[in-house]
Amino acid sequence: MVRPSYIATGMLLLFIAFIIPFLMVIKILESNLMLLIIAYIISLIGLVLGIYGVIEKYSKIFSGTG
């Protein structure tokens, strides 16, 4: 079974968190506080997952197990 890549998942979440406010600026989505908070939380989760994925990948390379 293939494990999902934390880096790819983090990048996807960061992209979604970028698109939500962008759609608000160009007036496709109605701007409200709850949607901005959700975009911020998605951004934080994406950033944490991406950093975790990079640390996990490079720690295996430097330890010689990956």
N, C-alpha and C. Protein backbone atom coordinates (compact mmCIF):
# COMPACT_ATOMS: atom_id res chain seq x y z
N MET A 1 0.84 -1.18 0.00
CA MET A 1 0.00 0.00 0.00
C MET A 1 0.89 1.25 0.00
N VAL A 2 0.55 2.20 -0.82
CA VAL A 2 1.36 3.40 -0.97
C VAL A 2 0.94 4.44 0.06
N ARG A 3 1.92 4.97 0.78
CA ARG A 3 1.64 6.04 1.74
C ARG A 3 1.49 7.36 1.02
N PRO A 4 0.56 8.17 1.45
CA PRO A 4 0.43 9.48 0.79
C PRO A 4 1.62 10.37 1.13
N SER A 5 1.99 11.19 0.20
CA SER A 5 3.11 12.09 0.40
C SER A 5 2.64 13.30 1.21
N TYR A 6 3.28 13.53 2.32
CA TYR A 6 2.92 14.69 3.14
C TYR A 6 3.26 15.99 2.42
N ILE A 7 4.30 15.96 1.62
CA ILE A 7 4.69 17.17 0.89
C ILE A 7 3.62 17.53 -0.13
N ALA A 8 3.15 16.56 -0.89
CA ALA A 8 2.13 16.81 -1.90
C ALA A 8 0.81 17.23 -1.25
N THR A 9 0.46 16.61 -0.15
CA THR A 9 -0.77 16.98 0.55
C THR A 9 -0.67 18.39 1.10
N GLY A 10 0.48 18.73 1.64
CA GLY A 10 0.69 20.08 2.15
C GLY A 10 0.62 21.12 1.05
N MET A 11 1.20 20.80 -0.11
CA MET A 11 1.14 21.73 -1.24
C MET A 11 -0.30 21.92 -1.73
N LEU A 12 -1.06 20.84 -1.77
CA LEU A 12 -2.45 20.94 -2.18
C LEU A 12 -3.26 21.80 -1.22
N LEU A 13 -3.06 21.61 0.07
CA LEU A 13 -3.78 22.41 1.06
C LEU A 13 -3.38 23.88 0.99
N LEU A 14 -2.10 24.16 0.78
CA LEU A 14 -1.66 25.55 0.63
C LEU A 14 -2.25 26.18 -0.63
N PHE A 15 -2.36 25.41 -1.69
CA PHE A 15 -2.96 25.92 -2.91
C PHE A 15 -4.44 26.24 -2.70
N ILE A 16 -5.16 25.35 -2.02
CA ILE A 16 -6.57 25.60 -1.71
C ILE A 16 -6.72 26.83 -0.83
N ALA A 17 -5.83 26.96 0.15
CA ALA A 17 -5.88 28.12 1.04
C ALA A 17 -5.54 29.41 0.30
N PHE A 18 -4.81 29.33 -0.79
CA PHE A 18 -4.54 30.51 -1.62
C PHE A 18 -5.74 30.84 -2.50
N ILE A 19 -6.39 29.82 -3.04
CA ILE A 19 -7.49 30.02 -3.97
C ILE A 19 -8.72 30.63 -3.29
N ILE A 20 -9.01 30.22 -2.06
CA ILE A 20 -10.21 30.72 -1.38
C ILE A 20 -10.19 32.24 -1.24
N PRO A 21 -9.15 32.86 -0.68
CA PRO A 21 -9.15 34.33 -0.62
C PRO A 21 -9.07 34.99 -2.01
N PHE A 22 -8.39 34.34 -2.95
CA PHE A 22 -8.32 34.88 -4.30
C PHE A 22 -9.71 34.97 -4.93
N LEU A 23 -10.51 33.93 -4.74
CA LEU A 23 -11.88 33.96 -5.26
C LEU A 23 -12.74 35.01 -4.56
N MET A 24 -12.41 35.31 -3.32
CA MET A 24 -13.11 36.39 -2.62
C MET A 24 -12.74 37.75 -3.20
N VAL A 25 -11.47 37.93 -3.53
CA VAL A 25 -11.01 39.22 -4.04
C VAL A 25 -11.63 39.51 -5.41
N ILE A 26 -11.74 38.48 -6.25
CA ILE A 26 -12.33 38.71 -7.57
C ILE A 26 -13.85 38.54 -7.56
N LYS A 27 -14.42 38.49 -6.36
CA LYS A 27 -15.87 38.52 -6.13
C LYS A 27 -16.63 37.32 -6.68
N ILE A 28 -15.98 36.16 -6.72
CA ILE A 28 -16.69 34.93 -7.07
C ILE A 28 -17.31 34.33 -5.82
N LEU A 29 -16.57 34.36 -4.72
CA LEU A 29 -17.09 33.94 -3.42
C LEU A 29 -17.39 35.18 -2.58
N GLU A 30 -18.44 35.07 -1.79
CA GLU A 30 -18.77 36.17 -0.89
C GLU A 30 -17.80 36.14 0.30
N SER A 31 -17.25 37.28 0.61
CA SER A 31 -16.27 37.36 1.69
C SER A 31 -16.98 37.35 3.04
N ASN A 32 -16.58 36.41 3.89
CA ASN A 32 -17.07 36.41 5.27
C ASN A 32 -15.97 35.88 6.19
N LEU A 33 -16.12 36.16 7.45
CA LEU A 33 -15.08 35.85 8.42
C LEU A 33 -14.85 34.34 8.56
N MET A 34 -15.91 33.56 8.53
CA MET A 34 -15.78 32.11 8.72
C MET A 34 -14.96 31.49 7.59
N LEU A 35 -15.19 31.93 6.37
CA LEU A 35 -14.44 31.39 5.24
C LEU A 35 -12.97 31.79 5.31
N LEU A 36 -12.69 32.99 5.78
CA LEU A 36 -11.30 33.41 5.96
C LEU A 36 -10.61 32.60 7.05
N ILE A 37 -11.32 32.30 8.12
CA ILE A 37 -10.74 31.49 9.20
C ILE A 37 -10.46 30.07 8.70
N ILE A 38 -11.38 29.52 7.91
CA ILE A 38 -11.18 28.19 7.35
C ILE A 38 -9.97 28.17 6.42
N ALA A 39 -9.83 29.20 5.59
CA ALA A 39 -8.67 29.28 4.69
C ALA A 39 -7.38 29.38 5.50
N TYR A 40 -7.39 30.13 6.58
CA TYR A 40 -6.21 30.26 7.43
C TYR A 40 -5.84 28.93 8.08
N ILE A 41 -6.83 28.22 8.58
CA ILE A 41 -6.58 26.92 9.21
C ILE A 41 -6.05 25.92 8.19
N ILE A 42 -6.64 25.91 6.98
CA ILE A 42 -6.15 25.02 5.92
C ILE A 42 -4.70 25.36 5.58
N SER A 43 -4.38 26.64 5.55
CA SER A 43 -3.02 27.07 5.26
C SER A 43 -2.05 26.59 6.32
N LEU A 44 -2.43 26.72 7.58
CA LEU A 44 -1.54 26.25 8.66
C LEU A 44 -1.34 24.74 8.61
N ILE A 45 -2.41 24.00 8.37
CA ILE A 45 -2.29 22.54 8.29
C ILE A 45 -1.41 22.14 7.12
N GLY A 46 -1.58 22.81 5.97
CA GLY A 46 -0.76 22.52 4.81
C GLY A 46 0.71 22.82 5.05
N LEU A 47 0.98 23.93 5.72
CA LEU A 47 2.36 24.29 6.03
C LEU A 47 3.00 23.27 6.97
N VAL A 48 2.29 22.87 7.99
CA VAL A 48 2.82 21.90 8.95
C VAL A 48 3.05 20.55 8.27
N LEU A 49 2.08 20.11 7.45
CA LEU A 49 2.26 18.83 6.76
C LEU A 49 3.43 18.87 5.79
N GLY A 50 3.59 19.97 5.07
CA GLY A 50 4.71 20.09 4.14
C GLY A 50 6.04 20.07 4.84
N ILE A 51 6.16 20.80 5.93
CA ILE A 51 7.41 20.82 6.69
C ILE A 51 7.69 19.45 7.28
N TYR A 52 6.66 18.79 7.80
CA TYR A 52 6.83 17.44 8.34
C TYR A 52 7.30 16.47 7.25
N GLY A 53 6.72 16.59 6.06
CA GLY A 53 7.11 15.71 4.96
C GLY A 53 8.56 15.92 4.55
N VAL A 54 8.99 17.17 4.51
CA VAL A 54 10.39 17.46 4.15
C VAL A 54 11.33 16.92 5.22
N ILE A 55 11.00 17.14 6.48
CA ILE A 55 11.84 16.63 7.57
C ILE A 55 11.90 15.11 7.54
N GLU A 56 10.76 14.48 7.31
CA GLU A 56 10.73 13.02 7.27
C GLU A 56 11.56 12.50 6.09
N LYS A 57 11.44 13.13 4.94
CA LYS A 57 12.18 12.69 3.76
C LYS A 57 13.69 12.84 3.95
N TYR A 58 14.12 14.00 4.40
CA TYR A 58 15.55 14.24 4.51
C TYR A 58 16.18 13.58 5.73
N SER A 59 15.40 13.29 6.75
CA SER A 59 15.98 12.57 7.87
C SER A 59 16.27 11.12 7.49
N LYS A 60 15.44 10.54 6.61
CA LYS A 60 15.72 9.19 6.12
C LYS A 60 16.94 9.17 5.21
N ILE A 61 17.09 10.20 4.39
CA ILE A 61 18.25 10.24 3.47
C ILE A 61 19.55 10.39 4.26
N PHE A 62 19.56 11.28 5.24
CA PHE A 62 20.79 11.51 6.00
C PHE A 62 21.10 10.38 6.97
N SER A 63 20.09 9.63 7.40
CA SER A 63 20.38 8.52 8.30
C SER A 63 20.76 7.26 7.54
N GLY A 64 20.54 7.26 6.21
CA GLY A 64 20.95 6.13 5.41
C GLY A 64 19.89 5.06 5.26
N THR A 65 18.66 5.31 5.71
CA THR A 65 17.62 4.30 5.61
C THR A 65 16.69 4.56 4.44
N GLY A 66 16.84 5.65 3.71
CA GLY A 66 15.89 5.97 2.65
C GLY A 66 16.57 6.16 1.40
